[in-house]
C-alpha atoms as a PDB file:
ATOM      1  CA  MET A   1     -22.462   1.306 -43.624  1.00  0.00           C
ATOM      2  CA  ILE A   2     -21.849   0.778 -39.904  1.00  0.00           C
ATOM      3  CA  ARG A   3     -20.325  -2.271 -39.400  1.00  0.00           C
ATOM      4  CA  VAL A   4     -21.121  -3.913 -35.701  1.00  0.00           C
ATOM      5  CA  LEU A   5     -19.223  -7.198 -34.112  1.00  0.00           C
ATOM      6  CA  LEU A   6     -21.522  -8.567 -31.455  1.00  0.00           C
ATOM      7  CA  VAL A   7     -19.307 -10.095 -28.366  1.00  0.00           C
ATOM      8  CA  ASP A   8     -21.047 -11.845 -25.250  1.00  0.00           C
ATOM      9  CA  ASP A   9     -20.648 -15.225 -24.359  1.00  0.00           C
ATOM     10  CA  HIS A  10     -24.713 -16.336 -24.496  1.00  0.00           C
ATOM     11  CA  ALA A  11     -25.677 -17.147 -27.954  1.00  0.00           C
ATOM     12  CA  ILE A  12     -28.927 -16.743 -26.979  1.00  0.00           C
ATOM     13  CA  LEU A  13     -28.443 -12.591 -26.654  1.00  0.00           C
ATOM     14  CA  ARG A  14     -26.353 -12.264 -29.792  1.00  0.00           C
ATOM     15  CA  SER A  15     -28.745 -13.635 -31.734  1.00  0.00           C
ATOM     16  CA  GLY A  16     -31.608 -10.993 -30.001  1.00  0.00           C
ATOM     17  CA  LEU A  17     -29.190  -8.185 -30.578  1.00  0.00           C
ATOM     18  CA  ARG A  18     -28.911  -9.471 -34.352  1.00  0.00           C
ATOM     19  CA  SER A  19     -32.389  -9.257 -34.666  1.00  0.00           C
ATOM     20  CA  LEU A  20     -33.214  -5.837 -33.315  1.00  0.00           C
ATOM     21  CA  LEU A  21     -29.742  -4.340 -35.604  1.00  0.00           C
ATOM     22  CA  ALA A  22     -30.977  -6.186 -38.990  1.00  0.00           C
ATOM     23  CA  ASP A  23     -33.580  -3.625 -39.790  1.00  0.00           C
ATOM     24  CA  GLN A  24     -31.527  -0.600 -38.709  1.00  0.00           C
ATOM     25  CA  PRO A  25     -31.259   1.520 -41.215  1.00  0.00           C
ATOM     26  CA  GLY A  26     -26.989   2.147 -41.841  1.00  0.00           C
ATOM     27  CA  LEU A  27     -26.391  -0.859 -39.545  1.00  0.00           C
ATOM     28  CA  GLU A  28     -25.027  -4.253 -40.330  1.00  0.00           C
ATOM     29  CA  VAL A  29     -24.342  -7.218 -37.828  1.00  0.00           C
ATOM     30  CA  VAL A  30     -21.169  -8.756 -39.884  1.00  0.00           C
ATOM     31  CA  GLY A  31     -20.061 -11.226 -37.105  1.00  0.00           C
ATOM     32  CA  GLU A  32     -20.603 -12.857 -33.888  1.00  0.00           C
ATOM     33  CA  ALA A  33     -17.723 -13.638 -30.789  1.00  0.00           C
ATOM     34  CA  GLY A  34     -17.959 -15.378 -27.759  1.00  0.00           C
ATOM     35  CA  SER A  35     -15.271 -14.303 -26.186  1.00  0.00           C
ATOM     36  CA  GLY A  36     -12.567 -11.780 -26.212  1.00  0.00           C
ATOM     37  CA  GLU A  37     -10.057 -14.445 -27.581  1.00  0.00           C
ATOM     38  CA  GLN A  38     -12.457 -15.082 -30.640  1.00  0.00           C
ATOM     39  CA  LEU A  39     -12.930 -11.364 -31.412  1.00  0.00           C
ATOM     40  CA  LEU A  40      -9.198 -10.829 -31.757  1.00  0.00           C
ATOM     41  CA  GLN A  41      -8.995 -14.015 -33.492  1.00  0.00           C
ATOM     42  CA  LEU A  42     -11.970 -12.220 -35.983  1.00  0.00           C
ATOM     43  CA  LEU A  43     -11.075  -8.976 -36.632  1.00  0.00           C
ATOM     44  CA  PRO A  44      -8.188  -9.325 -39.193  1.00  0.00           C
ATOM     45  CA  THR A  45     -10.716 -11.144 -41.412  1.00  0.00           C
ATOM     46  CA  THR A  46     -13.874  -9.449 -40.655  1.00  0.00           C
ATOM     47  CA  PRO A  47     -13.288  -5.928 -40.550  1.00  0.00           C
ATOM     48  CA  ALA A  48     -16.041  -3.746 -38.490  1.00  0.00           C
ATOM     49  CA  ASP A  49     -16.567  -0.267 -37.142  1.00  0.00           C
ATOM     50  CA  VAL A  50     -17.581  -0.358 -34.006  1.00  0.00           C
ATOM     51  CA  VAL A  51     -17.863  -3.354 -31.267  1.00  0.00           C
ATOM     52  CA  LEU A  52     -20.022  -4.190 -28.664  1.00  0.00           C
ATOM     53  CA  LEU A  53     -18.605  -5.622 -26.226  1.00  0.00           C
ATOM     54  CA  ASP A  54     -19.902  -7.746 -23.165  1.00  0.00           C
ATOM     55  CA  LEU A  55     -17.912  -7.435 -19.965  1.00  0.00           C
ATOM     56  CA  ASN A  56     -18.433 -10.097 -17.742  1.00  0.00           C
ATOM     57  CA  MET A  57     -17.129 -13.050 -20.445  1.00  0.00           C
ATOM     58  CA  PRO A  58     -14.882 -16.755 -19.424  1.00  0.00           C
ATOM     59  CA  GLY A  59     -11.621 -16.218 -20.113  1.00  0.00           C
ATOM     60  CA  MET A  60      -9.841 -12.278 -20.951  1.00  0.00           C
ATOM     61  CA  GLU A  61     -11.141  -9.878 -19.064  1.00  0.00           C
ATOM     62  CA  GLY A  62     -13.306  -7.050 -20.202  1.00  0.00           C
ATOM     63  CA  ILE A  63     -10.106  -4.842 -19.449  1.00  0.00           C
ATOM     64  CA  GLU A  64      -7.610  -6.052 -21.175  1.00  0.00           C
ATOM     65  CA  ILE A  65     -10.520  -6.923 -24.551  1.00  0.00           C
ATOM     66  CA  ILE A  66     -10.440  -3.002 -24.818  1.00  0.00           C
ATOM     67  CA  ARG A  67      -6.353  -2.820 -24.121  1.00  0.00           C
ATOM     68  CA  GLN A  68      -5.789  -5.152 -26.987  1.00  0.00           C
ATOM     69  CA  LEU A  69      -8.487  -3.442 -29.254  1.00  0.00           C
ATOM     70  CA  ARG A  70      -6.780  -0.586 -28.691  1.00  0.00           C
ATOM     71  CA  ALA A  71      -3.169  -1.646 -29.012  1.00  0.00           C
ATOM     72  CA  HIS A  72      -3.956  -3.732 -32.606  1.00  0.00           C
ATOM     73  CA  HIS A  73      -7.117  -2.390 -34.117  1.00  0.00           C
ATOM     74  CA  PRO A  74      -6.913   1.495 -32.686  1.00  0.00           C
ATOM     75  CA  ALA A  75      -9.506   2.116 -36.245  1.00  0.00           C
ATOM     76  CA  VAL A  76     -12.657  -0.178 -33.847  1.00  0.00           C
ATOM     77  CA  GLN A  77     -14.972   2.099 -31.602  1.00  0.00           C
ATOM     78  CA  VAL A  78     -15.348   0.128 -28.704  1.00  0.00           C
ATOM     79  CA  LEU A  79     -19.008   0.199 -26.845  1.00  0.00           C
ATOM     80  CA  VAL A  80     -19.076  -1.332 -24.067  1.00  0.00           C
ATOM     81  CA  LEU A  81     -22.527  -3.490 -23.084  1.00  0.00           C
ATOM     82  CA  THR A  82     -23.193  -4.627 -19.213  1.00  0.00           C
ATOM     83  CA  VAL A  83     -25.571  -5.007 -16.415  1.00  0.00           C
ATOM     84  CA  THR A  84     -23.296  -2.806 -13.792  1.00  0.00           C
ATOM     85  CA  ALA A  85     -23.568   0.809 -13.920  1.00  0.00           C
ATOM     86  CA  GLY A  86     -20.809   1.754 -11.539  1.00  0.00           C
ATOM     87  CA  GLU A  87     -19.196   4.899 -11.921  1.00  0.00           C
ATOM     88  CA  GLU A  88     -15.787   3.476 -11.038  1.00  0.00           C
ATOM     89  CA  ARG A  89     -16.531   0.723 -13.188  1.00  0.00           C
ATOM     90  CA  VAL A  90     -17.488   3.529 -15.974  1.00  0.00           C
ATOM     91  CA  CYS A  91     -14.460   5.348 -15.646  1.00  0.00           C
ATOM     92  CA  GLN A  92     -11.589   2.127 -15.774  1.00  0.00           C
ATOM     93  CA  MET A  93     -13.659   1.052 -19.025  1.00  0.00           C
ATOM     94  CA  LEU A  94     -13.431   5.219 -20.881  1.00  0.00           C
ATOM     95  CA  SER A  95      -9.514   4.881 -19.073  1.00  0.00           C
ATOM     96  CA  ALA A  96      -8.700   1.407 -21.334  1.00  0.00           C
ATOM     97  CA  GLY A  97     -10.354   3.071 -23.867  1.00  0.00           C
ATOM     98  CA  ALA A  98     -13.358   2.519 -24.297  1.00  0.00           C
ATOM     99  CA  HIS A  99     -15.290   5.038 -26.557  1.00  0.00           C
ATOM    100  CA  GLY A 100     -18.984   4.082 -24.845  1.00  0.00           C
ATOM    101  CA  TYR A 101     -21.123   2.522 -22.597  1.00  0.00           C
ATOM    102  CA  LEU A 102     -24.024   1.244 -22.750  1.00  0.00           C
ATOM    103  CA  LEU A 103     -26.756  -0.845 -20.517  1.00  0.00           C
ATOM    104  CA  LYS A 104     -28.528  -3.902 -21.012  1.00  0.00           C
ATOM    105  CA  SER A 105     -31.636  -2.687 -20.224  1.00  0.00           C
ATOM    106  CA  ALA A 106     -31.187   0.251 -22.861  1.00  0.00           C
ATOM    107  CA  GLY A 107     -33.923   0.213 -25.295  1.00  0.00           C
ATOM    108  CA  LEU A 108     -33.685  -0.304 -28.923  1.00  0.00           C
ATOM    109  CA  LYS A 109     -33.542   3.012 -29.712  1.00  0.00           C
ATOM    110  CA  GLU A 110     -30.800   4.138 -27.453  1.00  0.00           C
ATOM    111  CA  THR A 111     -28.737   1.192 -28.618  1.00  0.00           C
ATOM    112  CA  VAL A 112     -28.907   2.422 -31.534  1.00  0.00           C
ATOM    113  CA  TYR A 113     -27.836   5.598 -31.260  1.00  0.00           C
ATOM    114  CA  GLY A 114     -24.815   4.569 -28.473  1.00  0.00           C
ATOM    115  CA  ILE A 115     -23.243   3.249 -32.033  1.00  0.00           C
ATOM    116  CA  GLN A 116     -23.970   5.715 -34.072  1.00  0.00           C
ATOM    117  CA  THR A 117     -22.223   8.287 -31.662  1.00  0.00           C
ATOM    118  CA  VAL A 118     -19.098   6.019 -31.019  1.00  0.00           C
ATOM    119  CA  ALA A 119     -18.745   5.288 -34.475  1.00  0.00           C
ATOM    120  CA  ALA A 120     -19.003   8.913 -35.748  1.00  0.00           C
ATOM    121  CA  GLY A 121     -16.030   9.827 -32.806  1.00  0.00           C
ATOM    122  CA  ARG A 122     -17.492  10.619 -29.990  1.00  0.00           C
ATOM    123  CA  THR A 123     -18.036   9.393 -26.463  1.00  0.00           C
ATOM    124  CA  PHE A 124     -21.238   7.744 -25.642  1.00  0.00           C
ATOM    125  CA  LEU A 125     -22.862   6.936 -21.690  1.00  0.00           C
ATOM    126  CA  CYS A 126     -26.090   5.879 -21.704  1.00  0.00           C
ATOM    127  CA  SER A 127     -28.992   8.183 -20.498  1.00  0.00           C
ATOM    128  CA  GLU A 128     -28.552   5.849 -16.873  1.00  0.00           C
ATOM    129  CA  VAL A 129     -25.375   5.848 -16.519  1.00  0.00           C
ATOM    130  CA  GLY A 130     -24.890   9.950 -17.466  1.00  0.00           C
ATOM    131  CA  LEU A 131     -27.719  10.394 -14.582  1.00  0.00           C
ATOM    132  CA  ALA A 132     -25.410   8.500 -12.226  1.00  0.00           C
ATOM    133  CA  THR A 133     -22.602  10.487 -13.491  1.00  0.00           C
ATOM    134  CA  LEU A 134     -23.731  14.124 -13.459  1.00  0.00           C
ATOM    135  CA  LEU A 135     -25.161  13.286  -9.355  1.00  0.00           C
ATOM    136  CA  LYS A 136     -22.091  12.375  -8.798  1.00  0.00           C
ATOM    137  CA  LEU A 137     -20.278  15.859 -10.447  1.00  0.00           C
ATOM    138  CA  HIS A 138     -23.281  17.389  -7.997  1.00  0.00           C
ATOM    139  CA  GLU A 139     -22.244  15.670  -4.769  1.00  0.00           C
ATOM    140  CA  GLY A 140     -18.685  16.784  -5.568  1.00  0.00           C
ATOM    141  CA  ALA A 141     -19.491  20.116  -6.270  1.00  0.00           C
ATOM    142  CA  GLU A 142     -21.815  20.597  -3.254  1.00  0.00           C
ATOM    143  CA  THR A 143     -18.733  19.293  -1.430  1.00  0.00           C
ATOM    144  CA  MET A 144     -16.232  21.796  -3.367  1.00  0.00           C
ATOM    145  CA  ALA A 145     -18.893  24.258  -2.203  1.00  0.00           C
ATOM    146  CA  ARG A 146     -18.940  23.334   1.754  1.00  0.00           C
ATOM    147  CA  GLN A 147     -15.165  23.448   1.408  1.00  0.00           C
ATOM    148  CA  LEU A 148     -14.961  26.726  -0.299  1.00  0.00           C
ATOM    149  CA  ASP A 149     -17.219  28.210   2.495  1.00  0.00           C
ATOM    150  CA  GLY A 150     -13.984  28.433   4.719  1.00  0.00           C
ATOM    151  CA  LEU A 151     -12.458  30.311   2.505  1.00  0.00           C
ATOM    152  CA  PRO A 152     -11.450  34.296   2.697  1.00  0.00           C
ATOM    153  CA  ALA A 153     -14.107  36.068   0.758  1.00  0.00           C
ATOM    154  CA  GLY A 154     -12.047  37.297  -1.369  1.00  0.00           C
ATOM    155  CA  HIS A 155     -10.675  33.776  -2.580  1.00  0.00           C
ATOM    156  CA  ARG A 156     -14.321  32.312  -3.533  1.00  0.00           C
ATOM    157  CA  LEU A 157     -16.132  32.899  -6.527  1.00  0.00           C
ATOM    158  CA  THR A 158     -19.788  33.089  -6.375  1.00  0.00           C
ATOM    159  CA  PRO A 159     -22.819  33.702  -8.663  1.00  0.00           C
ATOM    160  CA  THR A 160     -22.694  37.518  -8.292  1.00  0.00           C
ATOM    161  CA  ASP A 161     -18.879  37.764  -8.644  1.00  0.00           C
ATOM    162  CA  PRO A 162     -18.707  39.471 -11.979  1.00  0.00           C
ATOM    163  CA  ARG A 163     -16.143  37.168 -12.990  1.00  0.00           C
ATOM    164  CA  VAL A 164     -18.760  34.733 -13.435  1.00  0.00           C
ATOM    165  CA  THR A 165     -21.080  36.221 -14.944  1.00  0.00           C
ATOM    166  CA  LEU A 166     -22.021  34.683 -18.442  1.00  0.00           C
ATOM    167  CA  SER A 167     -23.913  35.484 -21.604  1.00  0.00           C
ATOM    168  CA  LYS A 168     -27.285  34.476 -22.981  1.00  0.00           C
ATOM    169  CA  ARG A 169     -25.243  32.490 -25.601  1.00  0.00           C
ATOM    170  CA  GLU A 170     -22.541  31.281 -23.509  1.00  0.00           C
ATOM    171  CA  LEU A 171     -24.802  29.614 -21.136  1.00  0.00           C
ATOM    172  CA  GLU A 172     -26.370  27.298 -24.244  1.00  0.00           C
ATOM    173  CA  VAL A 173     -22.818  26.573 -25.207  1.00  0.00           C
ATOM    174  CA  LEU A 174     -22.565  25.609 -21.718  1.00  0.00           C
ATOM    175  CA  ARG A 175     -25.586  23.726 -21.559  1.00  0.00           C
ATOM    176  CA  LEU A 176     -24.557  21.888 -24.897  1.00  0.00           C
ATOM    177  CA  VAL A 177     -21.370  20.983 -23.497  1.00  0.00           C
ATOM    178  CA  ALA A 178     -22.611  19.000 -20.770  1.00  0.00           C
ATOM    179  CA  ASP A 179     -24.677  16.995 -22.962  1.00  0.00           C
ATOM    180  CA  GLY A 180     -21.881  16.486 -25.073  1.00  0.00           C
ATOM    181  CA  PHE A 181     -21.833  18.269 -27.977  1.00  0.00           C
ATOM    182  CA  THR A 182     -18.910  19.085 -30.146  1.00  0.00           C
ATOM    183  CA  ASN A 183     -17.660  22.219 -31.468  1.00  0.00           C
ATOM    184  CA  GLN A 184     -19.098  21.795 -34.909  1.00  0.00           C
ATOM    185  CA  GLU A 185     -22.627  20.067 -33.507  1.00  0.00           C
ATOM    186  CA  MET A 186     -23.130  23.560 -31.251  1.00  0.00           C
ATOM    187  CA  ALA A 187     -22.232  25.714 -34.031  1.00  0.00           C
ATOM    188  CA  ASP A 188     -24.428  23.627 -36.071  1.00  0.00           C
ATOM    189  CA  LEU A 189     -26.995  23.645 -33.735  1.00  0.00           C
ATOM    190  CA  LEU A 190     -26.309  27.351 -32.650  1.00  0.00           C
ATOM    191  CA  PHE A 191     -26.428  28.601 -36.245  1.00  0.00           C
ATOM    192  CA  THR A 192     -22.943  30.138 -36.104  1.00  0.00           C
ATOM    193  CA  SER A 193     -19.259  28.988 -36.797  1.00  0.00           C
ATOM    194  CA  LYS A 194     -17.441  26.598 -35.038  1.00  0.00           C
ATOM    195  CA  ARG A 195     -14.406  29.484 -34.106  1.00  0.00           C
ATOM    196  CA  THR A 196     -17.137  31.215 -32.641  1.00  0.00           C
ATOM    197  CA  ILE A 197     -18.037  28.134 -30.858  1.00  0.00           C
ATOM    198  CA  GLU A 198     -14.721  27.958 -29.446  1.00  0.00           C
ATOM    199  CA  THR A 199     -14.640  31.510 -28.223  1.00  0.00           C
ATOM    200  CA  HIS A 200     -17.247  31.270 -26.376  1.00  0.00           C
ATOM    201  CA  ARG A 201     -15.571  28.161 -24.728  1.00  0.00           C
ATOM    202  CA  GLN A 202     -12.506  30.095 -24.019  1.00  0.00           C
ATOM    203  CA  ASN A 203     -14.688  32.961 -22.713  1.00  0.00           C
ATOM    204  CA  ILE A 204     -16.176  30.439 -19.918  1.00  0.00           C
ATOM    205  CA  ILE A 205     -13.155  28.863 -19.190  1.00  0.00           C
ATOM    206  CA  THR A 206     -11.442  32.369 -18.495  1.00  0.00           C
ATOM    207  CA  LYS A 207     -14.650  33.700 -16.234  1.00  0.00           C
ATOM    208  CA  THR A 208     -15.027  30.393 -14.298  1.00  0.00           C
ATOM    209  CA  GLY A 209     -11.439  29.328 -14.093  1.00  0.00           C
ATOM    210  CA  ALA A 210     -12.276  26.433 -15.210  1.00  0.00           C
ATOM    211  CA  LYS A 211      -9.859  24.242 -16.724  1.00  0.00           C
ATOM    212  CA  ASN A 212     -11.243  20.944 -18.091  1.00  0.00           C
ATOM    213  CA  THR A 213     -14.775  20.036 -19.237  1.00  0.00           C
ATOM    214  CA  ALA A 214     -15.614  18.214 -15.731  1.00  0.00           C
ATOM    215  CA  SER A 215     -14.882  21.187 -14.768  1.00  0.00           C
ATOM    216  CA  LEU A 216     -17.008  23.297 -16.419  1.00  0.00           C
ATOM    217  CA  ILE A 217     -20.061  20.514 -15.634  1.00  0.00           C
ATOM    218  CA  ARG A 218     -19.168  21.109 -11.752  1.00  0.00           C
ATOM    219  CA  PHE A 219     -19.408  24.750 -12.129  1.00  0.00           C
ATOM    220  CA  ALA A 220     -22.470  24.609 -13.659  1.00  0.00           C
ATOM    221  CA  ILE A 221     -24.204  22.329 -11.726  1.00  0.00           C
ATOM    222  CA  SER A 222     -23.288  24.213  -8.181  1.00  0.00           C
ATOM    223  CA  GLU A 223     -24.276  27.467  -9.900  1.00  0.00           C
ATOM    224  CA  GLY A 224     -27.568  25.614 -11.109  1.00  0.00           C
ATOM    225  CA  LEU A 225     -27.560  26.859 -14.387  1.00  0.00           C
ATOM    226  CA  ILE A 226     -27.768  22.648 -15.344  1.00  0.00           C
ATOM    227  CA  SER A 227     -29.877  20.113 -13.605  1.00  0.00           C
END
C-alpha cells in the first residue's frame, strides 16, 4: 500500500484529490497539510511514502519544503503538483530533490501513475512537461547541429559514420532510455537480462560519444530516432 500525503493550501482541492484517490487500489491518503510548515510537523507522526506537494502556498516556498524533506525525511518521495510547466521551474524542483512533476491539469490515471512511479523510486514527468522537455532538447540538438556544421568534416559525426551506426536492439534500448525506463524494466520488456541491457547501453554510449542520458536523448532526436 502506497501512503500518500496531500499538501495544498486549498482545502477544496485536497478534498477532491482525497475523494479521487480513495477508490484507487494500492493507494491510501494518510493525511493532509495546508502548508509546508504543517507538513513538516505532521510527518513525524504520520509516515508517508509519497507527498503530493503544491508549490504555490503561503509561508515556506516549495523549493525550501523539498530541501527540508530531503534533509529530514529522505525516504519520502516528493511529487510536485502545480499549474506551472516552465522548463526552468521543473529543473529547479528536480535539482532540489523532487522525484516527479505533475500538472494539476493531468487526469486521474496519469496522477495515479505518477504516484506509483515515484513511490517505486523512479523519476516522473507528466506527459505535457515531458513533451516540453523533449522539444527543448530538440531545439538544443538543432543548435548543436548548426554549430557542428562549422567544424571540419573529420570532427563531425554523421548518420552514415560507422561510429554511430546502431543495431536494431541498440535502437530499441535507446528509445526505451528516452522514455525513462530503468535497465531492469528494459530487460523485462525485451526478455533479456539486466547485464545485457547494460552492455547495450555502454555500446550506445561508446558509438555516440554521449556522456549521459540527456546527451543520448539529444543524439536520438537529432538523428530522427525518436520524435
